[in-house]
Amino acid sequence: MKLLVNGKEIEFASHINNVEKLLQELGLTVRTVVVELNRSILVRDQHGEAQLKDGDELEIVHFVGGG
């Protein structure tokens, strides 16, 4: 399945079928990210329910601490 993630087309295995699995595949913890799927912002509780399909567009922003 091909997804557009932060403007870059990436191919994923078919078992990456929801946002929660995608974040795990990318090594991102749910607490530190904001996900927009096809121009709709998802709340954390929606990550496991939000199904992905070929051609979906995602913007993923993660926060990094520092000083």
PDB file of N, CA and C in Angstrom:
ATOM      1  N   MET A   1       0.838  -1.160   0.000  1.00  0.00           N
ATOM      2  CA  MET A   1       0.000   0.000   0.000  1.00  0.00           C
ATOM      3  C   MET A   1       0.894   1.238   0.000  1.00  0.00           C
ATOM      4  N   LYS A   2       0.575   2.199  -0.842  1.00  0.00           N
ATOM      5  CA  LYS A   2       1.338   3.442  -0.920  1.00  0.00           C
ATOM      6  C   LYS A   2       0.584   4.542  -0.184  1.00  0.00           C
ATOM      7  N   LEU A   3       1.304   5.234   0.698  1.00  0.00           N
ATOM      8  CA  LEU A   3       0.757   6.353   1.452  1.00  0.00           C
ATOM      9  C   LEU A   3       1.649   7.561   1.234  1.00  0.00           C
ATOM     10  N   LEU A   4       1.060   8.727   1.274  1.00  0.00           N
ATOM     11  CA  LEU A   4       1.818   9.967   1.190  1.00  0.00           C
ATOM     12  C   LEU A   4       1.975  10.483   2.609  1.00  0.00           C
ATOM     13  N   VAL A   5       3.184  10.369   3.165  1.00  0.00           N
ATOM     14  CA  VAL A   5       3.457  10.747   4.545  1.00  0.00           C
ATOM     15  C   VAL A   5       4.372  11.962   4.551  1.00  0.00           C
ATOM     16  N   ASN A   6       3.852  13.063   5.061  1.00  0.00           N
ATOM     17  CA  ASN A   6       4.602  14.329   5.106  1.00  0.00           C
ATOM     18  C   ASN A   6       5.186  14.681   3.737  1.00  0.00           C
ATOM     19  N   GLY A   7       4.370  14.479   2.712  1.00  0.00           N
ATOM     20  CA  GLY A   7       4.755  14.849   1.359  1.00  0.00           C
ATOM     21  C   GLY A   7       5.614  13.837   0.622  1.00  0.00           C
ATOM     22  N   LYS A   8       5.923  12.710   1.255  1.00  0.00           N
ATOM     23  CA  LYS A   8       6.783  11.699   0.640  1.00  0.00           C
ATOM     24  C   LYS A   8       5.998  10.405   0.466  1.00  0.00           C
ATOM     25  N   GLU A   9       5.999   9.870  -0.749  1.00  0.00           N
ATOM     26  CA  GLU A   9       5.298   8.616  -1.001  1.00  0.00           C
ATOM     27  C   GLU A   9       6.114   7.444  -0.458  1.00  0.00           C
ATOM     28  N   ILE A  10       5.475   6.643   0.397  1.00  0.00           N
ATOM     29  CA  ILE A  10       6.131   5.503   1.026  1.00  0.00           C
ATOM     30  C   ILE A  10       5.247   4.287   0.861  1.00  0.00           C
ATOM     31  N   GLU A  11       5.860   3.142   0.559  1.00  0.00           N
ATOM     32  CA  GLU A  11       5.102   1.904   0.428  1.00  0.00           C
ATOM     33  C   GLU A  11       5.218   1.110   1.725  1.00  0.00           C
ATOM     34  N   PHE A  12       4.067   0.624   2.211  1.00  0.00           N
ATOM     35  CA  PHE A  12       3.991  -0.150   3.446  1.00  0.00           C
ATOM     36  C   PHE A  12       3.360  -1.504   3.163  1.00  0.00           C
ATOM     37  N   ALA A  13       3.663  -2.465   4.028  1.00  0.00           N
ATOM     38  CA  ALA A  13       3.049  -3.791   3.936  1.00  0.00           C
ATOM     39  C   ALA A  13       1.557  -3.671   4.230  1.00  0.00           C
ATOM     40  N   SER A  14       0.805  -4.618   3.732  1.00  0.00           N
ATOM     41  CA  SER A  14      -0.655  -4.560   3.868  1.00  0.00           C
ATOM     42  C   SER A  14      -1.132  -4.667   5.311  1.00  0.00           C
ATOM     43  N   HIS A  15      -0.308  -5.226   6.215  1.00  0.00           N
ATOM     44  CA  HIS A  15      -0.752  -5.327   7.608  1.00  0.00           C
ATOM     45  C   HIS A  15      -0.734  -3.974   8.330  1.00  0.00           C
ATOM     46  N   ILE A  16      -0.159  -2.957   7.708  1.00  0.00           N
ATOM     47  CA  ILE A  16      -0.198  -1.602   8.263  1.00  0.00           C
ATOM     48  C   ILE A  16      -1.511  -0.983   7.772  1.00  0.00           C
ATOM     49  N   ASN A  17      -2.609  -1.340   8.469  1.00  0.00           N
ATOM     50  CA  ASN A  17      -3.926  -0.959   7.964  1.00  0.00           C
ATOM     51  C   ASN A  17      -4.634   0.100   8.795  1.00  0.00           C
ATOM     52  N   ASN A  18      -3.981   0.607   9.851  1.00  0.00           N
ATOM     53  CA  ASN A  18      -4.569   1.725  10.589  1.00  0.00           C
ATOM     54  C   ASN A  18      -3.452   2.643  11.086  1.00  0.00           C
ATOM     55  N   VAL A  19      -3.840   3.786  11.567  1.00  0.00           N
ATOM     56  CA  VAL A  19      -2.864   4.806  11.965  1.00  0.00           C
ATOM     57  C   VAL A  19      -1.993   4.328  13.119  1.00  0.00           C
ATOM     58  N   GLU A  20      -2.578   3.624  14.078  1.00  0.00           N
ATOM     59  CA  GLU A  20      -1.806   3.128  15.216  1.00  0.00           C
ATOM     60  C   GLU A  20      -0.667   2.216  14.761  1.00  0.00           C
ATOM     61  N   LYS A  21      -0.947   1.306  13.838  1.00  0.00           N
ATOM     62  CA  LYS A  21       0.093   0.408  13.319  1.00  0.00           C
ATOM     63  C   LYS A  21       1.134   1.176  12.518  1.00  0.00           C
ATOM     64  N   LEU A  22       0.695   2.187  11.790  1.00  0.00           N
ATOM     65  CA  LEU A  22       1.633   3.007  11.027  1.00  0.00           C
ATOM     66  C   LEU A  22       2.603   3.713  11.966  1.00  0.00           C
ATOM     67  N   LEU A  23       2.092   4.295  13.044  1.00  0.00           N
ATOM     68  CA  LEU A  23       2.956   4.981  13.998  1.00  0.00           C
ATOM     69  C   LEU A  23       3.952   4.020  14.627  1.00  0.00           C
ATOM     70  N   GLN A  24       3.507   2.806  14.943  1.00  0.00           N
ATOM     71  CA  GLN A  24       4.419   1.798  15.486  1.00  0.00           C
ATOM     72  C   GLN A  24       5.501   1.452  14.468  1.00  0.00           C
ATOM     73  N   GLU A  25       5.114   1.292  13.215  1.00  0.00           N
ATOM     74  CA  GLU A  25       6.068   0.971  12.141  1.00  0.00           C
ATOM     75  C   GLU A  25       7.117   2.074  11.990  1.00  0.00           C
ATOM     76  N   LEU A  26       6.685   3.324  12.183  1.00  0.00           N
ATOM     77  CA  LEU A  26       7.586   4.466  12.051  1.00  0.00           C
ATOM     78  C   LEU A  26       8.363   4.742  13.335  1.00  0.00           C
ATOM     79  N   GLY A  27       8.056   4.008  14.406  1.00  0.00           N
ATOM     80  CA  GLY A  27       8.771   4.179  15.664  1.00  0.00           C
ATOM     81  C   GLY A  27       8.386   5.435  16.423  1.00  0.00           C
ATOM     82  N   LEU A  28       7.153   5.908  16.226  1.00  0.00           N
ATOM     83  CA  LEU A  28       6.695   7.123  16.894  1.00  0.00           C
ATOM     84  C   LEU A  28       5.740   6.765  18.025  1.00  0.00           C
ATOM     85  N   THR A  29       5.962   7.350  19.194  1.00  0.00           N
ATOM     86  CA  THR A  29       5.064   7.091  20.308  1.00  0.00           C
ATOM     87  C   THR A  29       3.826   7.958  20.175  1.00  0.00           C
ATOM     88  N   VAL A  30       2.695   7.403  20.536  1.00  0.00           N
ATOM     89  CA  VAL A  30       1.416   8.084  20.350  1.00  0.00           C
ATOM     90  C   VAL A  30       1.327   9.381  21.147  1.00  0.00           C
ATOM     91  N   ARG A  31       1.973   9.452  22.294  1.00  0.00           N
ATOM     92  CA  ARG A  31       1.891  10.649  23.123  1.00  0.00           C
ATOM     93  C   ARG A  31       2.534  11.870  22.492  1.00  0.00           C
ATOM     94  N   THR A  32       3.459  11.655  21.608  1.00  0.00           N
ATOM     95  CA  THR A  32       4.248  12.780  21.108  1.00  0.00           C
ATOM     96  C   THR A  32       3.921  13.181  19.683  1.00  0.00           C
ATOM     97  N   VAL A  33       2.799  12.702  19.126  1.00  0.00           N
ATOM     98  CA  VAL A  33       2.502  13.018  17.736  1.00  0.00           C
ATOM     99  C   VAL A  33       1.100  13.591  17.563  1.00  0.00           C
ATOM    100  N   VAL A  34       0.964  14.362  16.495  1.00  0.00           N
ATOM    101  CA  VAL A  34      -0.332  14.806  16.004  1.00  0.00           C
ATOM    102  C   VAL A  34      -0.433  14.265  14.583  1.00  0.00           C
ATOM    103  N   VAL A  35      -1.572  13.639  14.262  1.00  0.00           N
ATOM    104  CA  VAL A  35      -1.747  13.017  12.959  1.00  0.00           C
ATOM    105  C   VAL A  35      -2.927  13.660  12.247  1.00  0.00           C
ATOM    106  N   GLU A  36      -2.685  14.020  10.988  1.00  0.00           N
ATOM    107  CA  GLU A  36      -3.742  14.506  10.116  1.00  0.00           C
ATOM    108  C   GLU A  36      -3.888  13.488   8.995  1.00  0.00           C
ATOM    109  N   LEU A  37      -5.080  12.945   8.829  1.00  0.00           N
ATOM    110  CA  LEU A  37      -5.362  11.955   7.791  1.00  0.00           C
ATOM    111  C   LEU A  37      -6.325  12.565   6.797  1.00  0.00           C
ATOM    112  N   ASN A  38      -5.878  12.723   5.566  1.00  0.00           N
ATOM    113  CA  ASN A  38      -6.698  13.316   4.504  1.00  0.00           C
ATOM    114  C   ASN A  38      -7.341  14.625   4.969  1.00  0.00           C
ATOM    115  N   ARG A  39      -6.511  15.462   5.574  1.00  0.00           N
ATOM    116  CA  ARG A  39      -6.869  16.822   6.014  1.00  0.00           C
ATOM    117  C   ARG A  39      -7.800  16.877   7.225  1.00  0.00           C
ATOM    118  N   SER A  40      -7.937  15.769   7.936  1.00  0.00           N
ATOM    119  CA  SER A  40      -8.710  15.748   9.183  1.00  0.00           C
ATOM    120  C   SER A  40      -7.782  15.352  10.325  1.00  0.00           C
ATOM    121  N   ILE A  41      -7.740  16.171  11.361  1.00  0.00           N
ATOM    122  CA  ILE A  41      -6.897  15.872  12.512  1.00  0.00           C
ATOM    123  C   ILE A  41      -7.556  14.778  13.342  1.00  0.00           C
ATOM    124  N   LEU A  42      -6.765  13.786  13.723  1.00  0.00           N
ATOM    125  CA  LEU A  42      -7.261  12.680  14.528  1.00  0.00           C
ATOM    126  C   LEU A  42      -6.880  12.880  15.985  1.00  0.00           C
ATOM    127  N   VAL A  43      -7.820  12.573  16.872  1.00  0.00           N
ATOM    128  CA  VAL A  43      -7.467  12.543  18.288  1.00  0.00           C
ATOM    129  C   VAL A  43      -6.851  11.180  18.569  1.00  0.00           C
ATOM    130  N   ARG A  44      -6.104  11.083  19.635  1.00  0.00           N
ATOM    131  CA  ARG A  44      -5.353   9.872  19.961  1.00  0.00           C
ATOM    132  C   ARG A  44      -6.235   8.617  19.980  1.00  0.00           C
ATOM    133  N   ASP A  45      -7.455   8.751  20.499  1.00  0.00           N
ATOM    134  CA  ASP A  45      -8.362   7.603  20.585  1.00  0.00           C
ATOM    135  C   ASP A  45      -8.776   7.065  19.220  1.00  0.00           C
ATOM    136  N   GLN A  46      -8.619   7.838  18.169  1.00  0.00           N
ATOM    137  CA  GLN A  46      -9.009   7.428  16.824  1.00  0.00           C
ATOM    138  C   GLN A  46      -7.916   6.677  16.075  1.00  0.00           C
ATOM    139  N   HIS A  47      -6.706   6.663  16.576  1.00  0.00           N
ATOM    140  CA  HIS A  47      -5.589   6.070  15.842  1.00  0.00           C
ATOM    141  C   HIS A  47      -5.810   4.594  15.525  1.00  0.00           C
ATOM    142  N   GLY A  48      -6.356   3.829  16.444  1.00  0.00           N
ATOM    143  CA  GLY A  48      -6.594   2.409  16.200  1.00  0.00           C
ATOM    144  C   GLY A  48      -7.768   2.145  15.282  1.00  0.00           C
ATOM    145  N   GLU A  49      -8.702   3.080  15.221  1.00  0.00           N
ATOM    146  CA  GLU A  49      -9.904   2.926  14.402  1.00  0.00           C
ATOM    147  C   GLU A  49      -9.743   3.494  12.993  1.00  0.00           C
ATOM    148  N   ALA A  50      -8.838   4.423  12.817  1.00  0.00           N
ATOM    149  CA  ALA A  50      -8.680   5.109  11.529  1.00  0.00           C
ATOM    150  C   ALA A  50      -8.013   4.178  10.519  1.00  0.00           C
ATOM    151  N   GLN A  51      -8.816   3.619   9.643  1.00  0.00           N
ATOM    152  CA  GLN A  51      -8.327   2.684   8.631  1.00  0.00           C
ATOM    153  C   GLN A  51      -7.597   3.430   7.521  1.00  0.00           C
ATOM    154  N   LEU A  52      -6.533   2.816   7.030  1.00  0.00           N
ATOM    155  CA  LEU A  52      -5.749   3.386   5.943  1.00  0.00           C
ATOM    156  C   LEU A  52      -6.034   2.639   4.655  1.00  0.00           C
ATOM    157  N   LYS A  53      -5.999   3.385   3.551  1.00  0.00           N
ATOM    158  CA  LYS A  53      -6.156   2.767   2.235  1.00  0.00           C
ATOM    159  C   LYS A  53      -5.135   3.375   1.279  1.00  0.00           C
ATOM    160  N   ASP A  54      -4.873   2.661   0.222  1.00  0.00           N
ATOM    161  CA  ASP A  54      -3.893   3.094  -0.763  1.00  0.00           C
ATOM    162  C   ASP A  54      -4.174   4.527  -1.201  1.00  0.00           C
ATOM    163  N   GLY A  55      -3.150   5.354  -1.182  1.00  0.00           N
ATOM    164  CA  GLY A  55      -3.261   6.732  -1.637  1.00  0.00           C
ATOM    165  C   GLY A  55      -3.621   7.741  -0.560  1.00  0.00           C
ATOM    166  N   ASP A  56      -3.861   7.293   0.682  1.00  0.00           N
ATOM    167  CA  ASP A  56      -4.166   8.235   1.756  1.00  0.00           C
ATOM    168  C   ASP A  56      -3.004   9.189   1.972  1.00  0.00           C
ATOM    169  N   GLU A  57      -3.336  10.409   2.414  1.00  0.00           N
ATOM    170  CA  GLU A  57      -2.334  11.428   2.703  1.00  0.00           C
ATOM    171  C   GLU A  57      -2.314  11.693   4.199  1.00  0.00           C
ATOM    172  N   LEU A  58      -1.128  11.626   4.792  1.00  0.00           N
ATOM    173  CA  LEU A  58      -0.973  11.865   6.212  1.00  0.00           C
ATOM    174  C   LEU A  58       0.081  12.920   6.463  1.00  0.00           C
ATOM    175  N   GLU A  59      -0.173  13.742   7.450  1.00  0.00           N
ATOM    176  CA  GLU A  59       0.829  14.659   7.975  1.00  0.00           C
ATOM    177  C   GLU A  59       1.030  14.242   9.414  1.00  0.00           C
ATOM    178  N   ILE A  60       2.251  13.977   9.792  1.00  0.00           N
ATOM    179  CA  ILE A  60       2.575  13.541  11.143  1.00  0.00           C
ATOM    180  C   ILE A  60       3.598  14.506  11.718  1.00  0.00           C
ATOM    181  N   VAL A  61       3.236  15.108  12.838  1.00  0.00           N
ATOM    182  CA  VAL A  61       4.122  16.044  13.523  1.00  0.00           C
ATOM    183  C   VAL A  61       4.437  15.447  14.883  1.00  0.00           C
ATOM    184  N   HIS A  62       5.713  15.349  15.203  1.00  0.00           N
ATOM    185  CA  HIS A  62       6.065  14.857  16.521  1.00  0.00           C
ATOM    186  C   HIS A  62       6.909  15.900  17.247  1.00  0.00           C
ATOM    187  N   PHE A  63       6.765  15.897  18.545  1.00  0.00           N
ATOM    188  CA  PHE A  63       7.407  16.898  19.377  1.00  0.00           C
ATOM    189  C   PHE A  63       8.677  16.347  19.992  1.00  0.00           C
ATOM    190  N   VAL A  64       9.684  17.168  20.022  1.00  0.00           N
ATOM    191  CA  VAL A  64      10.971  16.781  20.586  1.00  0.00           C
ATOM    192  C   VAL A  64      11.309  17.777  21.697  1.00  0.00           C
ATOM    193  N   GLY A  65      11.636  17.243  22.860  1.00  0.00           N
ATOM    194  CA  GLY A  65      11.999  18.111  23.973  1.00  0.00           C
ATOM    195  C   GLY A  65      13.446  18.560  23.866  1.00  0.00           C
ATOM    196  N   GLY A  66      13.749  19.590  24.547  1.00  0.00           N
ATOM    197  CA  GLY A  66      15.122  20.080  24.534  1.00  0.00           C
ATOM    198  C   GLY A  66      15.185  21.475  25.138  1.00  0.00           C
ATOM    199  N   GLY A  67      16.347  22.001  25.150  1.00  0.00           N
ATOM    200  CA  GLY A  67      16.427  23.320  25.749  1.00  0.00           C
ATOM    201  C   GLY A  67      17.601  24.104  25.303  1.00  0.00           C
TER     202      GLY A  67
END
